[in-house]
Amino acid sequence: MSTTLFGMLTAVIIVFMVVVLPIWLLLHYLAKMKKMQGLSKKDEVALSELWQNGNQMTQRIATLEIILDEKYPDWRDKS
C-alpha cells in the first residue's frame, strides 16, 4: 500500500515538474516582460508633470538668482 502511494506521489510530482512548472514559469516571465516593455499612460502623465515642474523650478531659481545678484551682489561668496 505504501509503495502504491509513493508511486502515485512520485508520478504526480514528475507530471508537475515536466508539464505544469515549465508552463507556469513561461507565463510568469512573459507577464514580466510585458510589464517592462514601456511606460503606462499613467506613468507617462506623471513623468510629463515632473518634467514641467522641473522646468518651472529652473526658471524660478534663475529669476531668484537674478534678484539676489541685483540686491546682494556678494551672496554667492558666502558659503
PDB file of N, CA and C in Angstrom:
ATOM      1  N   MET A   1       0.824  -1.195   0.000  1.00  0.00           N
ATOM      2  CA  MET A   1       0.000   0.000   0.000  1.00  0.00           C
ATOM      3  C   MET A   1       0.866   1.255   0.000  1.00  0.00           C
ATOM      4  N   SER A   2       1.874   1.303   0.831  1.00  0.00           N
ATOM      5  CA  SER A   2       2.727   2.480   0.883  1.00  0.00           C
ATOM      6  C   SER A   2       3.536   2.620  -0.405  1.00  0.00           C
ATOM      7  N   THR A   3       3.835   1.486  -1.056  1.00  0.00           N
ATOM      8  CA  THR A   3       4.551   1.539  -2.328  1.00  0.00           C
ATOM      9  C   THR A   3       3.665   2.160  -3.396  1.00  0.00           C
ATOM     10  N   THR A   4       2.385   1.831  -3.405  1.00  0.00           N
ATOM     11  CA  THR A   4       1.450   2.387  -4.369  1.00  0.00           C
ATOM     12  C   THR A   4       1.279   3.890  -4.139  1.00  0.00           C
ATOM     13  N   LEU A   5       1.158   4.295  -2.897  1.00  0.00           N
ATOM     14  CA  LEU A   5       1.025   5.707  -2.566  1.00  0.00           C
ATOM     15  C   LEU A   5       2.289   6.475  -2.958  1.00  0.00           C
ATOM     16  N   PHE A   6       3.446   5.891  -2.669  1.00  0.00           N
ATOM     17  CA  PHE A   6       4.716   6.517  -3.032  1.00  0.00           C
ATOM     18  C   PHE A   6       4.847   6.625  -4.552  1.00  0.00           C
ATOM     19  N   GLY A   7       4.422   5.602  -5.268  1.00  0.00           N
ATOM     20  CA  GLY A   7       4.468   5.617  -6.733  1.00  0.00           C
ATOM     21  C   GLY A   7       3.544   6.674  -7.317  1.00  0.00           C
ATOM     22  N   MET A   8       2.355   6.803  -6.763  1.00  0.00           N
ATOM     23  CA  MET A   8       1.409   7.810  -7.244  1.00  0.00           C
ATOM     24  C   MET A   8       1.927   9.224  -6.956  1.00  0.00           C
ATOM     25  N   LEU A   9       2.483   9.413  -5.774  1.00  0.00           N
ATOM     26  CA  LEU A   9       3.029  10.714  -5.403  1.00  0.00           C
ATOM     27  C   LEU A   9       4.204  11.075  -6.312  1.00  0.00           C
ATOM     28  N   THR A  10       5.028  10.120  -6.594  1.00  0.00           N
ATOM     29  CA  THR A  10       6.163  10.339  -7.496  1.00  0.00           C
ATOM     30  C   THR A  10       5.663  10.707  -8.885  1.00  0.00           C
ATOM     31  N   ALA A  11       4.640  10.021  -9.365  1.00  0.00           N
ATOM     32  CA  ALA A  11       4.088  10.307 -10.692  1.00  0.00           C
ATOM     33  C   ALA A  11       3.501  11.718 -10.744  1.00  0.00           C
ATOM     34  N   VAL A  12       2.804  12.115  -9.711  1.00  0.00           N
ATOM     35  CA  VAL A  12       2.214  13.459  -9.664  1.00  0.00           C
ATOM     36  C   VAL A  12       3.319  14.518  -9.672  1.00  0.00           C
ATOM     37  N   ILE A  13       4.365  14.298  -8.891  1.00  0.00           N
ATOM     38  CA  ILE A  13       5.478  15.252  -8.835  1.00  0.00           C
ATOM     39  C   ILE A  13       6.175  15.341 -10.190  1.00  0.00           C
ATOM     40  N   ILE A  14       6.377  14.228 -10.850  1.00  0.00           N
ATOM     41  CA  ILE A  14       7.032  14.222 -12.167  1.00  0.00           C
ATOM     42  C   ILE A  14       6.171  14.965 -13.188  1.00  0.00           C
ATOM     43  N   VAL A  15       4.868  14.711 -13.191  1.00  0.00           N
ATOM     44  CA  VAL A  15       3.972  15.407 -14.124  1.00  0.00           C
ATOM     45  C   VAL A  15       3.990  16.906 -13.843  1.00  0.00           C
ATOM     46  N   PHE A  16       3.969  17.272 -12.584  1.00  0.00           N
ATOM     47  CA  PHE A  16       4.020  18.688 -12.228  1.00  0.00           C
ATOM     48  C   PHE A  16       5.297  19.328 -12.744  1.00  0.00           C
ATOM     49  N   MET A  17       6.430  18.689 -12.529  1.00  0.00           N
ATOM     50  CA  MET A  17       7.718  19.258 -12.932  1.00  0.00           C
ATOM     51  C   MET A  17       7.902  19.279 -14.445  1.00  0.00           C
ATOM     52  N   VAL A  18       7.319  18.339 -15.148  1.00  0.00           N
ATOM     53  CA  VAL A  18       7.516  18.255 -16.600  1.00  0.00           C
ATOM     54  C   VAL A  18       6.485  19.089 -17.354  1.00  0.00           C
ATOM     55  N   VAL A  19       5.268  19.183 -16.863  1.00  0.00           N
ATOM     56  CA  VAL A  19       4.206  19.861 -17.607  1.00  0.00           C
ATOM     57  C   VAL A  19       3.830  21.208 -16.982  1.00  0.00           C
ATOM     58  N   VAL A  20       3.448  21.200 -15.745  1.00  0.00           N
ATOM     59  CA  VAL A  20       2.882  22.391 -15.115  1.00  0.00           C
ATOM     60  C   VAL A  20       3.945  23.452 -14.848  1.00  0.00           C
ATOM     61  N   LEU A  21       5.046  23.089 -14.259  1.00  0.00           N
ATOM     62  CA  LEU A  21       6.073  24.053 -13.874  1.00  0.00           C
ATOM     63  C   LEU A  21       6.639  24.833 -15.066  1.00  0.00           C
ATOM     64  N   PRO A  22       7.009  24.189 -16.181  1.00  0.00           N
ATOM     65  CA  PRO A  22       7.513  24.982 -17.316  1.00  0.00           C
ATOM     66  C   PRO A  22       6.483  25.970 -17.871  1.00  0.00           C
ATOM     67  N   ILE A  23       5.218  25.564 -17.950  1.00  0.00           N
ATOM     68  CA  ILE A  23       4.178  26.463 -18.455  1.00  0.00           C
ATOM     69  C   ILE A  23       3.994  27.628 -17.487  1.00  0.00           C
ATOM     70  N   TRP A  24       3.996  27.325 -16.212  1.00  0.00           N
ATOM     71  CA  TRP A  24       3.847  28.359 -15.190  1.00  0.00           C
ATOM     72  C   TRP A  24       4.991  29.360 -15.275  1.00  0.00           C
ATOM     73  N   LEU A  25       6.223  28.889 -15.374  1.00  0.00           N
ATOM     74  CA  LEU A  25       7.376  29.782 -15.481  1.00  0.00           C
ATOM     75  C   LEU A  25       7.325  30.612 -16.760  1.00  0.00           C
ATOM     76  N   LEU A  26       6.948  29.999 -17.859  1.00  0.00           N
ATOM     77  CA  LEU A  26       6.848  30.706 -19.136  1.00  0.00           C
ATOM     78  C   LEU A  26       5.833  31.843 -19.042  1.00  0.00           C
ATOM     79  N   LEU A  27       4.667  31.567 -18.526  1.00  0.00           N
ATOM     80  CA  LEU A  27       3.642  32.601 -18.392  1.00  0.00           C
ATOM     81  C   LEU A  27       4.070  33.697 -17.416  1.00  0.00           C
ATOM     82  N   HIS A  28       4.744  33.316 -16.356  1.00  0.00           N
ATOM     83  CA  HIS A  28       5.220  34.295 -15.373  1.00  0.00           C
ATOM     84  C   HIS A  28       6.192  35.278 -16.019  1.00  0.00           C
ATOM     85  N   TYR A  29       7.180  34.763 -16.743  1.00  0.00           N
ATOM     86  CA  TYR A  29       8.177  35.652 -17.328  1.00  0.00           C
ATOM     87  C   TYR A  29       7.648  36.413 -18.544  1.00  0.00           C
ATOM     88  N   LEU A  30       6.684  35.866 -19.250  1.00  0.00           N
ATOM     89  CA  LEU A  30       6.043  36.623 -20.325  1.00  0.00           C
ATOM     90  C   LEU A  30       5.290  37.826 -19.756  1.00  0.00           C
ATOM     91  N   ALA A  31       4.624  37.619 -18.639  1.00  0.00           N
ATOM     92  CA  ALA A  31       3.905  38.729 -17.995  1.00  0.00           C
ATOM     93  C   ALA A  31       4.890  39.792 -17.510  1.00  0.00           C
ATOM     94  N   LYS A  32       6.031  39.376 -16.962  1.00  0.00           N
ATOM     95  CA  LYS A  32       7.041  40.344 -16.514  1.00  0.00           C
ATOM     96  C   LYS A  32       7.604  41.132 -17.689  1.00  0.00           C
ATOM     97  N   MET A  33       7.862  40.467 -18.797  1.00  0.00           N
ATOM     98  CA  MET A  33       8.400  41.150 -19.972  1.00  0.00           C
ATOM     99  C   MET A  33       7.388  42.146 -20.527  1.00  0.00           C
ATOM    100  N   LYS A  34       6.118  41.783 -20.494  1.00  0.00           N
ATOM    101  CA  LYS A  34       5.088  42.684 -20.997  1.00  0.00           C
ATOM    102  C   LYS A  34       5.023  43.954 -20.148  1.00  0.00           C
ATOM    103  N   LYS A  35       5.187  43.828 -18.833  1.00  0.00           N
ATOM    104  CA  LYS A  35       5.179  44.988 -17.951  1.00  0.00           C
ATOM    105  C   LYS A  35       6.366  45.902 -18.215  1.00  0.00           C
ATOM    106  N   MET A  36       7.504  45.327 -18.576  1.00  0.00           N
ATOM    107  CA  MET A  36       8.729  46.096 -18.731  1.00  0.00           C
ATOM    108  C   MET A  36       8.880  46.714 -20.116  1.00  0.00           C
ATOM    109  N   GLN A  37       7.955  46.497 -21.016  1.00  0.00           N
ATOM    110  CA  GLN A  37       8.091  46.984 -22.387  1.00  0.00           C
ATOM    111  C   GLN A  37       8.053  48.500 -22.480  1.00  0.00           C
ATOM    112  N   GLY A  38       7.358  49.155 -21.642  1.00  0.00           N
ATOM    113  CA  GLY A  38       7.274  50.606 -21.737  1.00  0.00           C
ATOM    114  C   GLY A  38       6.487  51.192 -20.588  1.00  0.00           C
ATOM    115  N   LEU A  39       6.380  52.497 -20.630  1.00  0.00           N
ATOM    116  CA  LEU A  39       5.638  53.194 -19.592  1.00  0.00           C
ATOM    117  C   LEU A  39       4.140  53.106 -19.862  1.00  0.00           C
ATOM    118  N   SER A  40       3.393  53.014 -18.802  1.00  0.00           N
ATOM    119  CA  SER A  40       1.942  53.054 -18.946  1.00  0.00           C
ATOM    120  C   SER A  40       1.522  54.509 -19.164  1.00  0.00           C
ATOM    121  N   LYS A  41       0.295  54.711 -19.545  1.00  0.00           N
ATOM    122  CA  LYS A  41      -0.212  56.077 -19.760  1.00  0.00           C
ATOM    123  C   LYS A  41      -0.124  56.889 -18.469  1.00  0.00           C
ATOM    124  N   LYS A  42      -0.419  56.253 -17.354  1.00  0.00           N
ATOM    125  CA  LYS A  42      -0.355  56.927 -16.059  1.00  0.00           C
ATOM    126  C   LYS A  42       1.081  57.358 -15.764  1.00  0.00           C
ATOM    127  N   ASP A  43       2.038  56.487 -16.058  1.00  0.00           N
ATOM    128  CA  ASP A  43       3.444  56.823 -15.840  1.00  0.00           C
ATOM    129  C   ASP A  43       3.899  57.942 -16.774  1.00  0.00           C
ATOM    130  N   GLU A  44       3.423  57.928 -18.011  1.00  0.00           N
ATOM    131  CA  GLU A  44       3.784  58.979 -18.966  1.00  0.00           C
ATOM    132  C   GLU A  44       3.269  60.339 -18.500  1.00  0.00           C
ATOM    133  N   VAL A  45       2.048  60.364 -17.969  1.00  0.00           N
ATOM    134  CA  VAL A  45       1.467  61.616 -17.468  1.00  0.00           C
ATOM    135  C   VAL A  45       2.272  62.119 -16.272  1.00  0.00           C
ATOM    136  N   ALA A  46       2.610  61.212 -15.357  1.00  0.00           N
ATOM    137  CA  ALA A  46       3.393  61.605 -14.178  1.00  0.00           C
ATOM    138  C   ALA A  46       4.767  62.116 -14.587  1.00  0.00           C
ATOM    139  N   LEU A  47       5.398  61.459 -15.535  1.00  0.00           N
ATOM    140  CA  LEU A  47       6.710  61.894 -15.999  1.00  0.00           C
ATOM    141  C   LEU A  47       6.633  63.259 -16.668  1.00  0.00           C
ATOM    142  N   SER A  48       5.587  63.491 -17.437  1.00  0.00           N
ATOM    143  CA  SER A  48       5.397  64.783 -18.094  1.00  0.00           C
ATOM    144  C   SER A  48       5.214  65.900 -17.058  1.00  0.00           C
ATOM    145  N   GLU A  49       4.430  65.615 -16.031  1.00  0.00           N
ATOM    146  CA  GLU A  49       4.226  66.606 -14.968  1.00  0.00           C
ATOM    147  C   GLU A  49       5.530  66.898 -14.236  1.00  0.00           C
ATOM    148  N   LEU A  50       6.308  65.873 -13.955  1.00  0.00           N
ATOM    149  CA  LEU A  50       7.597  66.082 -13.302  1.00  0.00           C
ATOM    150  C   LEU A  50       8.526  66.914 -14.174  1.00  0.00           C
ATOM    151  N   TRP A  51       8.518  66.662 -15.468  1.00  0.00           N
ATOM    152  CA  TRP A  51       9.349  67.423 -16.401  1.00  0.00           C
ATOM    153  C   TRP A  51       8.948  68.904 -16.391  1.00  0.00           C
ATOM    154  N   GLN A  52       7.649  69.161 -16.445  1.00  0.00           N
ATOM    155  CA  GLN A  52       7.165  70.548 -16.414  1.00  0.00           C
ATOM    156  C   GLN A  52       7.512  71.224 -15.096  1.00  0.00           C
ATOM    157  N   ASN A  53       7.345  70.516 -13.987  1.00  0.00           N
ATOM    158  CA  ASN A  53       7.693  71.072 -12.680  1.00  0.00           C
ATOM    159  C   ASN A  53       9.181  71.384 -12.598  1.00  0.00           C
ATOM    160  N   GLY A  54       9.995  70.524 -13.154  1.00  0.00           N
ATOM    161  CA  GLY A  54      11.431  70.759 -13.166  1.00  0.00           C
ATOM    162  C   GLY A  54      11.796  71.994 -13.967  1.00  0.00           C
ATOM    163  N   ASN A  55      11.155  72.164 -15.108  1.00  0.00           N
ATOM    164  CA  ASN A  55      11.407  73.357 -15.922  1.00  0.00           C
ATOM    165  C   ASN A  55      10.961  74.634 -15.196  1.00  0.00           C
ATOM    166  N   GLN A  56       9.824  74.587 -14.532  1.00  0.00           N
ATOM    167  CA  GLN A  56       9.353  75.739 -13.767  1.00  0.00           C
ATOM    168  C   GLN A  56      10.307  76.068 -12.623  1.00  0.00           C
ATOM    169  N   MET A  57      10.801  75.033 -11.941  1.00  0.00           N
ATOM    170  CA  MET A  57      11.750  75.261 -10.847  1.00  0.00           C
ATOM    171  C   MET A  57      13.035  75.890 -11.374  1.00  0.00           C
ATOM    172  N   THR A  58      13.507  75.433 -12.532  1.00  0.00           N
ATOM    173  CA  THR A  58      14.720  76.000 -13.124  1.00  0.00           C
ATOM    174  C   THR A  58      14.526  77.484 -13.425  1.00  0.00           C
ATOM    175  N   GLN A  59      13.385  77.835 -13.992  1.00  0.00           N
ATOM    176  CA  GLN A  59      13.097  79.236 -14.295  1.00  0.00           C
ATOM    177  C   GLN A  59      13.004  80.066 -13.016  1.00  0.00           C
ATOM    178  N   ARG A  60      12.379  79.535 -12.002  1.00  0.00           N
ATOM    179  CA  ARG A  60      12.231  80.265 -10.744  1.00  0.00           C
ATOM    180  C   ARG A  60      13.590  80.475 -10.064  1.00  0.00           C
ATOM    181  N   ILE A  61      14.422  79.463 -10.102  1.00  0.00           N
ATOM    182  CA  ILE A  61      15.748  79.599  -9.498  1.00  0.00           C
ATOM    183  C   ILE A  61      16.564  80.642 -10.252  1.00  0.00           C
ATOM    184  N   ALA A  62      16.483  80.619 -11.584  1.00  0.00           N
ATOM    185  CA  ALA A  62      17.213  81.628 -12.370  1.00  0.00           C
ATOM    186  C   ALA A  62      16.727  83.031 -12.033  1.00  0.00           C
ATOM    187  N   THR A  63      15.425  83.204 -11.919  1.00  0.00           N
ATOM    188  CA  THR A  63      14.866  84.513 -11.559  1.00  0.00           C
ATOM    189  C   THR A  63      15.321  84.931 -10.159  1.00  0.00           C
ATOM    190  N   LEU A  64      15.287  84.006  -9.228  1.00  0.00           N
ATOM    191  CA  LEU A  64      15.731  84.299  -7.862  1.00  0.00           C
ATOM    192  C   LEU A  64      17.205  84.690  -7.839  1.00  0.00           C
ATOM    193  N   GLU A  65      18.041  84.009  -8.621  1.00  0.00           N
ATOM    194  CA  GLU A  65      19.458  84.355  -8.671  1.00  0.00           C
ATOM    195  C   GLU A  65      19.672  85.748  -9.253  1.00  0.00           C
ATOM    196  N   ILE A  66      18.878  86.128 -10.248  1.00  0.00           N
ATOM    197  CA  ILE A  66      18.979  87.471 -10.823  1.00  0.00           C
ATOM    198  C   ILE A  66      18.627  88.520  -9.766  1.00  0.00           C
ATOM    199  N   ILE A  67      17.546  88.266  -9.046  1.00  0.00           N
ATOM    200  CA  ILE A  67      17.123  89.203  -7.998  1.00  0.00           C
ATOM    201  C   ILE A  67      18.193  89.305  -6.915  1.00  0.00           C
ATOM    202  N   LEU A  68      18.726  88.184  -6.482  1.00  0.00           N
ATOM    203  CA  LEU A  68      19.757  88.199  -5.447  1.00  0.00           C
ATOM    204  C   LEU A  68      21.031  88.877  -5.935  1.00  0.00           C
ATOM    205  N   ASP A  69      21.393  88.662  -7.212  1.00  0.00           N
ATOM    206  CA  ASP A  69      22.583  89.319  -7.754  1.00  0.00           C
ATOM    207  C   ASP A  69      22.433  90.836  -7.740  1.00  0.00           C
ATOM    208  N   GLU A  70      21.225  91.317  -8.027  1.00  0.00           N
ATOM    209  CA  GLU A  70      20.989  92.767  -8.025  1.00  0.00           C
ATOM    210  C   GLU A  70      20.958  93.332  -6.609  1.00  0.00           C
ATOM    211  N   LYS A  71      20.317  92.614  -5.708  1.00  0.00           N
ATOM    212  CA  LYS A  71      20.116  93.139  -4.365  1.00  0.00           C
ATOM    213  C   LYS A  71      21.331  92.883  -3.459  1.00  0.00           C
ATOM    214  N   TYR A  72      21.909  91.707  -3.557  1.00  0.00           N
ATOM    215  CA  TYR A  72      23.058  91.314  -2.730  1.00  0.00           C
ATOM    216  C   TYR A  72      24.147  90.735  -3.634  1.00  0.00           C
ATOM    217  N   PRO A  73      25.005  91.563  -4.180  1.00  0.00           N
ATOM    218  CA  PRO A  73      25.992  91.109  -5.156  1.00  0.00           C
ATOM    219  C   PRO A  73      26.965  90.053  -4.617  1.00  0.00           C
ATOM    220  N   ASP A  74      27.218  90.042  -3.329  1.00  0.00           N
ATOM    221  CA  ASP A  74      28.187  89.099  -2.776  1.00  0.00           C
ATOM    222  C   ASP A  74      27.538  87.845  -2.181  1.00  0.00           C
ATOM    223  N   TRP A  75      26.299  87.584  -2.483  1.00  0.00           N
ATOM    224  CA  TRP A  75      25.609  86.446  -1.847  1.00  0.00           C
ATOM    225  C   TRP A  75      26.202  85.103  -2.233  1.00  0.00           C
ATOM    226  N   ARG A  76      26.818  85.004  -3.411  1.00  0.00           N
ATOM    227  CA  ARG A  76      27.384  83.725  -3.843  1.00  0.00           C
ATOM    228  C   ARG A  76      28.692  83.406  -3.119  1.00  0.00           C
ATOM    229  N   ASP A  77      29.372  84.409  -2.607  1.00  0.00           N
ATOM    230  CA  ASP A  77      30.656  84.202  -1.953  1.00  0.00           C
ATOM    231  C   ASP A  77      30.489  83.616  -0.553  1.00  0.00           C
ATOM    232  N   LYS A  78      29.326  83.760   0.039  1.00  0.00           N
ATOM    233  CA  LYS A  78      29.082  83.255   1.392  1.00  0.00           C
ATOM    234  C   LYS A  78      28.665  81.793   1.308  1.00  0.00           C
ATOM    235  N   SER A  79      29.405  80.951   1.996  1.00  0.00           N
ATOM    236  CA  SER A  79      29.091  79.517   1.960  1.00  0.00           C
ATOM    237  C   SER A  79      28.429  79.076   3.227  1.00  0.00           C
TER     238      SER A  79
END
